[in-house]
Amino acid sequence: MTTLNPFSGWPNPGGSGSPAVLPPSQQMKSHVLTFRYVELSPDVLNCTIIGPDSLPWLEVITAPNGPRTIFRHLGNGAAAYIIDWTRPLSVQVNGQPESKHLGHWLGLQVDQNRQAMNVGGASYTWLQRDNGICLDPVGAPARNPPLARIYRIASAITLELTTEAFGLGLLDAAVVATVAIHSGRLQLN
């Protein structure tokens, strides 16, 4: 399956133009950065994302039956990411004028159990294991911990991202993929 990178040509998450730069103290504080999707109203398409510093970071907003999901910074209200659910599905990061085809970037693989994703020219796979959905490089053995893991407990969804994954530029992709995967609008939940 061919995948496209919706973030090619956009700033690296570690660069000054990224919507998702963490302060240096948060980048190295722990091996795993935890993002919690809380206040699901009624689901992940309308929620608040709490960052690794335990402070509200982004608000996810979708109008009822709305064609777009907007991720807004709680500090300044600026749009960080936009998912357009109309055909073809697309994603836009940090107000960039061009959007990328979401369906090709986060495509269901032939075995129907995995989502393939390409970021920065590298291929990754989201796969259900370890009581969640885990992200590993394609062709590599399962990692412990995986580069990223998404799981749901009660009324919250959690994204765990290793500092290695952050360094590989996977933060933006993982934040958007968490919503897309749990939205019910893609085939892997």
C-alpha atoms as a PDB file:
ATOM      1  CA  MET A   1       0.000   0.000   0.000  1.00  0.00           C
ATOM      2  CA  THR A   2       1.279   3.449  -0.862  1.00  0.00           C
ATOM      3  CA  THR A   3       1.035   6.079   1.870  1.00  0.00           C
ATOM      4  CA  LEU A   4       1.450   9.822   1.649  1.00  0.00           C
ATOM      5  CA  ASN A   5       2.909  12.086   4.290  1.00  0.00           C
ATOM      6  CA  PRO A   6       0.466  14.878   5.166  1.00  0.00           C
ATOM      7  CA  PHE A   7       3.234  16.712   6.983  1.00  0.00           C
ATOM      8  CA  SER A   8       5.870  16.820   4.206  1.00  0.00           C
ATOM      9  CA  GLY A   9       6.918  20.377   3.584  1.00  0.00           C
ATOM     10  CA  TRP A  10       5.609  21.537   6.952  1.00  0.00           C
ATOM     11  CA  PRO A  11       7.819  22.593   9.859  1.00  0.00           C
ATOM     12  CA  ASN A  12       9.489  19.932  11.998  1.00  0.00           C
ATOM     13  CA  PRO A  13       7.787  19.671  15.425  1.00  0.00           C
ATOM     14  CA  GLY A  14      11.077  20.695  16.969  1.00  0.00           C
ATOM     15  CA  GLY A  15      11.247  23.813  14.798  1.00  0.00           C
ATOM     16  CA  SER A  16       9.980  27.251  15.687  1.00  0.00           C
ATOM     17  CA  GLY A  17       7.068  27.102  13.222  1.00  0.00           C
ATOM     18  CA  SER A  18       5.442  24.022  14.759  1.00  0.00           C
ATOM     19  CA  PRO A  19       2.166  24.191  16.666  1.00  0.00           C
ATOM     20  CA  ALA A  20       3.373  21.439  18.968  1.00  0.00           C
ATOM     21  CA  VAL A  21       6.742  22.421  20.411  1.00  0.00           C
ATOM     22  CA  LEU A  22       7.157  21.345  24.020  1.00  0.00           C
ATOM     23  CA  PRO A  23       9.389  23.307  26.368  1.00  0.00           C
ATOM     24  CA  PRO A  24      12.885  21.765  26.740  1.00  0.00           C
ATOM     25  CA  SER A  25      12.107  20.712  30.318  1.00  0.00           C
ATOM     26  CA  GLN A  26       9.186  18.582  29.056  1.00  0.00           C
ATOM     27  CA  GLN A  27      11.128  17.062  26.166  1.00  0.00           C
ATOM     28  CA  MET A  28      13.623  15.284  28.411  1.00  0.00           C
ATOM     29  CA  LYS A  29      11.691  14.964  31.695  1.00  0.00           C
ATOM     30  CA  SER A  30      10.567  11.391  31.052  1.00  0.00           C
ATOM     31  CA  HIS A  31      10.873   8.592  28.540  1.00  0.00           C
ATOM     32  CA  VAL A  32       7.134   8.755  27.742  1.00  0.00           C
ATOM     33  CA  LEU A  33       5.114  11.924  27.129  1.00  0.00           C
ATOM     34  CA  THR A  34       1.430  11.504  28.035  1.00  0.00           C
ATOM     35  CA  PHE A  35      -1.426  13.352  26.346  1.00  0.00           C
ATOM     36  CA  ARG A  36      -4.956  12.819  27.706  1.00  0.00           C
ATOM     37  CA  TYR A  37      -8.086  13.413  25.640  1.00  0.00           C
ATOM     38  CA  VAL A  38     -10.708  14.317  28.252  1.00  0.00           C
ATOM     39  CA  GLU A  39     -14.159  15.920  28.493  1.00  0.00           C
ATOM     40  CA  LEU A  40     -15.326  13.788  25.548  1.00  0.00           C
ATOM     41  CA  SER A  41     -18.572  15.479  24.523  1.00  0.00           C
ATOM     42  CA  PRO A  42     -19.937  13.069  23.430  1.00  0.00           C
ATOM     43  CA  ASP A  43     -16.762  11.622  21.872  1.00  0.00           C
ATOM     44  CA  VAL A  44     -13.191  12.433  20.816  1.00  0.00           C
ATOM     45  CA  LEU A  45     -14.457  14.794  18.083  1.00  0.00           C
ATOM     46  CA  ASN A  46     -15.260  17.296  20.854  1.00  0.00           C
ATOM     47  CA  CYS A  47     -12.775  17.160  23.718  1.00  0.00           C
ATOM     48  CA  THR A  48      -9.830  18.791  25.472  1.00  0.00           C
ATOM     49  CA  ILE A  49      -6.270  17.495  25.125  1.00  0.00           C
ATOM     50  CA  ILE A  50      -4.195  17.738  28.292  1.00  0.00           C
ATOM     51  CA  GLY A  51      -0.440  17.935  27.616  1.00  0.00           C
ATOM     52  CA  PRO A  52       2.439  16.212  29.421  1.00  0.00           C
ATOM     53  CA  ASP A  53       2.628  19.131  31.857  1.00  0.00           C
ATOM     54  CA  SER A  54      -0.958  18.283  33.009  1.00  0.00           C
ATOM     55  CA  LEU A  55      -2.262  21.572  31.583  1.00  0.00           C
ATOM     56  CA  PRO A  56      -4.958  21.909  28.909  1.00  0.00           C
ATOM     57  CA  TRP A  57      -3.189  22.229  25.530  1.00  0.00           C
ATOM     58  CA  LEU A  58      -5.679  21.873  22.674  1.00  0.00           C
ATOM     59  CA  GLU A  59      -9.436  21.912  22.258  1.00  0.00           C
ATOM     60  CA  VAL A  60     -10.942  19.609  19.609  1.00  0.00           C
ATOM     61  CA  ILE A  61     -14.161  21.012  18.111  1.00  0.00           C
ATOM     62  CA  THR A  62     -16.563  19.458  15.602  1.00  0.00           C
ATOM     63  CA  ALA A  63     -20.019  20.878  14.894  1.00  0.00           C
ATOM     64  CA  PRO A  64     -22.844  18.286  14.927  1.00  0.00           C
ATOM     65  CA  ASN A  65     -22.565  16.415  11.616  1.00  0.00           C
ATOM     66  CA  GLY A  66     -19.863  18.955  10.774  1.00  0.00           C
ATOM     67  CA  PRO A  67     -17.522  18.426   7.882  1.00  0.00           C
ATOM     68  CA  ARG A  68     -14.440  19.662   9.803  1.00  0.00           C
ATOM     69  CA  THR A  69     -12.709  18.983  13.103  1.00  0.00           C
ATOM     70  CA  ILE A  70     -10.575  21.849  14.376  1.00  0.00           C
ATOM     71  CA  PHE A  71      -7.810  21.509  16.984  1.00  0.00           C
ATOM     72  CA  ARG A  72      -7.419  24.922  18.660  1.00  0.00           C
ATOM     73  CA  HIS A  73      -4.645  26.076  20.980  1.00  0.00           C
ATOM     74  CA  LEU A  74      -6.219  26.955  24.311  1.00  0.00           C
ATOM     75  CA  GLY A  75      -3.664  29.706  24.897  1.00  0.00           C
ATOM     76  CA  ASN A  76      -4.384  31.824  21.809  1.00  0.00           C
ATOM     77  CA  GLY A  77      -7.310  30.133  20.018  1.00  0.00           C
ATOM     78  CA  ALA A  78      -5.285  29.570  16.841  1.00  0.00           C
ATOM     79  CA  ALA A  79      -6.019  26.469  14.779  1.00  0.00           C
ATOM     80  CA  ALA A  80      -3.212  23.913  15.116  1.00  0.00           C
ATOM     81  CA  TYR A  81      -4.738  21.161  12.966  1.00  0.00           C
ATOM     82  CA  ILE A  82      -7.872  20.753  10.841  1.00  0.00           C
ATOM     83  CA  ILE A  83      -9.353  17.462   9.640  1.00  0.00           C
ATOM     84  CA  ASP A  84     -11.776  17.830   6.731  1.00  0.00           C
ATOM     85  CA  TRP A  85     -14.111  14.812   6.706  1.00  0.00           C
ATOM     86  CA  THR A  86     -15.561  15.524   3.246  1.00  0.00           C
ATOM     87  CA  ARG A  87     -14.315  13.424   0.351  1.00  0.00           C
ATOM     88  CA  PRO A  88     -11.408  13.202  -0.029  1.00  0.00           C
ATOM     89  CA  LEU A  89     -10.525  13.235   3.664  1.00  0.00           C
ATOM     90  CA  SER A  90      -7.728  15.708   4.358  1.00  0.00           C
ATOM     91  CA  VAL A  91      -5.653  17.184   7.171  1.00  0.00           C
ATOM     92  CA  GLN A  92      -4.052  20.616   7.527  1.00  0.00           C
ATOM     93  CA  VAL A  93      -1.426  21.589  10.100  1.00  0.00           C
ATOM     94  CA  ASN A  94      -0.681  24.989  11.646  1.00  0.00           C
ATOM     95  CA  GLY A  95      -2.615  27.081   9.139  1.00  0.00           C
ATOM     96  CA  GLN A  96      -0.615  25.878   6.146  1.00  0.00           C
ATOM     97  CA  PRO A  97      -2.517  26.651   2.941  1.00  0.00           C
ATOM     98  CA  GLU A  98      -2.200  23.145   1.549  1.00  0.00           C
ATOM     99  CA  SER A  99      -3.907  20.127   3.026  1.00  0.00           C
ATOM    100  CA  LYS A 100      -2.887  16.491   2.691  1.00  0.00           C
ATOM    101  CA  HIS A 101      -5.073  13.487   1.846  1.00  0.00           C
ATOM    102  CA  LEU A 102      -5.829  11.799   5.188  1.00  0.00           C
ATOM    103  CA  GLY A 103      -7.185   8.577   3.716  1.00  0.00           C
ATOM    104  CA  HIS A 104      -3.924   7.780   1.937  1.00  0.00           C
ATOM    105  CA  TRP A 105      -1.744   8.874   4.846  1.00  0.00           C
ATOM    106  CA  LEU A 106      -3.607   6.808   7.466  1.00  0.00           C
ATOM    107  CA  GLY A 107      -4.768   3.958   5.266  1.00  0.00           C
ATOM    108  CA  LEU A 108      -6.171   0.592   6.288  1.00  0.00           C
ATOM    109  CA  GLN A 109      -3.831  -2.204   5.230  1.00  0.00           C
ATOM    110  CA  VAL A 110      -4.920  -5.335   3.393  1.00  0.00           C
ATOM    111  CA  ASP A 111      -5.223  -7.474   6.536  1.00  0.00           C
ATOM    112  CA  GLN A 112      -7.751  -4.946   7.968  1.00  0.00           C
ATOM    113  CA  ASN A 113      -5.996  -4.971  11.375  1.00  0.00           C
ATOM    114  CA  ARG A 114      -3.435  -2.214  10.841  1.00  0.00           C
ATOM    115  CA  GLN A 115      -3.274   1.417   9.829  1.00  0.00           C
ATOM    116  CA  ALA A 116      -0.221   2.378   7.783  1.00  0.00           C
ATOM    117  CA  MET A 117       1.242   5.855   8.294  1.00  0.00           C
ATOM    118  CA  ASN A 118       4.137   7.692   6.639  1.00  0.00           C
ATOM    119  CA  VAL A 119       5.822  10.614   8.378  1.00  0.00           C
ATOM    120  CA  GLY A 120       9.058  12.255   7.301  1.00  0.00           C
ATOM    121  CA  GLY A 121       9.716   9.579   4.693  1.00  0.00           C
ATOM    122  CA  ALA A 122       9.534   6.721   7.242  1.00  0.00           C
ATOM    123  CA  SER A 123       6.731   4.143   7.352  1.00  0.00           C
ATOM    124  CA  TYR A 124       4.946   3.177  10.561  1.00  0.00           C
ATOM    125  CA  THR A 125       2.062   0.872  11.494  1.00  0.00           C
ATOM    126  CA  TRP A 126      -0.681   1.348  14.063  1.00  0.00           C
ATOM    127  CA  LEU A 127      -1.601  -2.143  15.357  1.00  0.00           C
ATOM    128  CA  GLN A 128      -3.909  -3.297  18.142  1.00  0.00           C
ATOM    129  CA  ARG A 129      -1.820  -4.924  20.903  1.00  0.00           C
ATOM    130  CA  ASP A 130      -0.974  -4.488  24.592  1.00  0.00           C
ATOM    131  CA  ASN A 131      -4.532  -3.300  25.398  1.00  0.00           C
ATOM    132  CA  GLY A 132      -4.252  -0.407  22.980  1.00  0.00           C
ATOM    133  CA  ILE A 133      -3.264   0.688  19.508  1.00  0.00           C
ATOM    134  CA  CYS A 134       0.526   0.818  19.191  1.00  0.00           C
ATOM    135  CA  LEU A 135       2.796   2.551  16.691  1.00  0.00           C
ATOM    136  CA  ASP A 136       5.934   0.779  15.471  1.00  0.00           C
ATOM    137  CA  PRO A 137       8.196   1.208  12.450  1.00  0.00           C
ATOM    138  CA  VAL A 138       7.168  -1.007   9.521  1.00  0.00           C
ATOM    139  CA  GLY A 139       9.242  -4.186   9.372  1.00  0.00           C
ATOM    140  CA  ALA A 140      10.674  -3.823  12.871  1.00  0.00           C
ATOM    141  CA  PRO A 141       9.832  -6.189  15.719  1.00  0.00           C
ATOM    142  CA  ALA A 142       7.276  -4.958  18.249  1.00  0.00           C
ATOM    143  CA  ARG A 143       8.913  -2.476  20.600  1.00  0.00           C
ATOM    144  CA  ASN A 144       8.456  -2.145  24.341  1.00  0.00           C
ATOM    145  CA  PRO A 145       7.443   0.522  24.804  1.00  0.00           C
ATOM    146  CA  PRO A 146       6.138   1.200  21.302  1.00  0.00           C
ATOM    147  CA  LEU A 147       6.902   4.595  19.756  1.00  0.00           C
ATOM    148  CA  ALA A 148       3.324   5.570  20.626  1.00  0.00           C
ATOM    149  CA  ARG A 149       0.348   3.884  22.254  1.00  0.00           C
ATOM    150  CA  ILE A 150      -3.297   4.930  22.300  1.00  0.00           C
ATOM    151  CA  TYR A 151      -5.685   3.439  24.838  1.00  0.00           C
ATOM    152  CA  ARG A 152      -9.029   4.219  26.406  1.00  0.00           C
ATOM    153  CA  ILE A 153      -9.919   3.957  30.079  1.00  0.00           C
ATOM    154  CA  ALA A 154     -13.389   5.025  31.177  1.00  0.00           C
ATOM    155  CA  SER A 155     -14.133   8.467  29.750  1.00  0.00           C
ATOM    156  CA  ALA A 156     -10.630   9.409  28.595  1.00  0.00           C
ATOM    157  CA  ILE A 157      -8.348   8.470  25.717  1.00  0.00           C
ATOM    158  CA  THR A 158      -4.614   8.522  26.352  1.00  0.00           C
ATOM    159  CA  LEU A 159      -1.774   8.950  23.859  1.00  0.00           C
ATOM    160  CA  GLU A 160       1.646   7.928  25.148  1.00  0.00           C
ATOM    161  CA  LEU A 161       4.509   9.133  22.961  1.00  0.00           C
ATOM    162  CA  THR A 162       8.125   8.226  23.649  1.00  0.00           C
ATOM    163  CA  THR A 163      10.705  10.989  23.603  1.00  0.00           C
ATOM    164  CA  GLU A 164      12.283   9.054  20.705  1.00  0.00           C
ATOM    165  CA  ALA A 165       9.023   9.389  18.728  1.00  0.00           C
ATOM    166  CA  PHE A 166       8.933  13.097  19.551  1.00  0.00           C
ATOM    167  CA  GLY A 167      12.478  13.405  18.202  1.00  0.00           C
ATOM    168  CA  LEU A 168      11.419  11.599  15.013  1.00  0.00           C
ATOM    169  CA  GLY A 169       8.762  14.282  14.407  1.00  0.00           C
ATOM    170  CA  LEU A 170       5.776  12.058  15.219  1.00  0.00           C
ATOM    171  CA  LEU A 171       3.972  14.365  17.667  1.00  0.00           C
ATOM    172  CA  ASP A 172       1.716  16.141  15.148  1.00  0.00           C
ATOM    173  CA  ALA A 173       0.893  12.908  13.334  1.00  0.00           C
ATOM    174  CA  ALA A 174       0.141  10.994  16.557  1.00  0.00           C
ATOM    175  CA  VAL A 175      -2.135  13.730  17.954  1.00  0.00           C
ATOM    176  CA  VAL A 176      -4.174  13.852  14.720  1.00  0.00           C
ATOM    177  CA  ALA A 177      -4.154  10.041  14.283  1.00  0.00           C
ATOM    178  CA  THR A 178      -5.542   9.541  17.802  1.00  0.00           C
ATOM    179  CA  VAL A 179      -8.635  11.565  16.920  1.00  0.00           C
ATOM    180  CA  ALA A 180      -8.967  10.047  13.439  1.00  0.00           C
ATOM    181  CA  ILE A 181      -8.690   6.468  14.728  1.00  0.00           C
ATOM    182  CA  HIS A 182     -11.154   6.991  17.603  1.00  0.00           C
ATOM    183  CA  SER A 183     -13.553   9.152  15.568  1.00  0.00           C
ATOM    184  CA  GLY A 184     -15.579   6.262  14.191  1.00  0.00           C
ATOM    185  CA  ARG A 185     -15.048   7.792  10.765  1.00  0.00           C
ATOM    186  CA  LEU A 186     -12.184   5.424   9.896  1.00  0.00           C
ATOM    187  CA  GLN A 187     -12.319   1.636   9.969  1.00  0.00           C
ATOM    188  CA  LEU A 188      -9.910   0.961  12.871  1.00  0.00           C
ATOM    189  CA  ASN A 189     -11.264   1.926  16.308  1.00  0.00           C
END
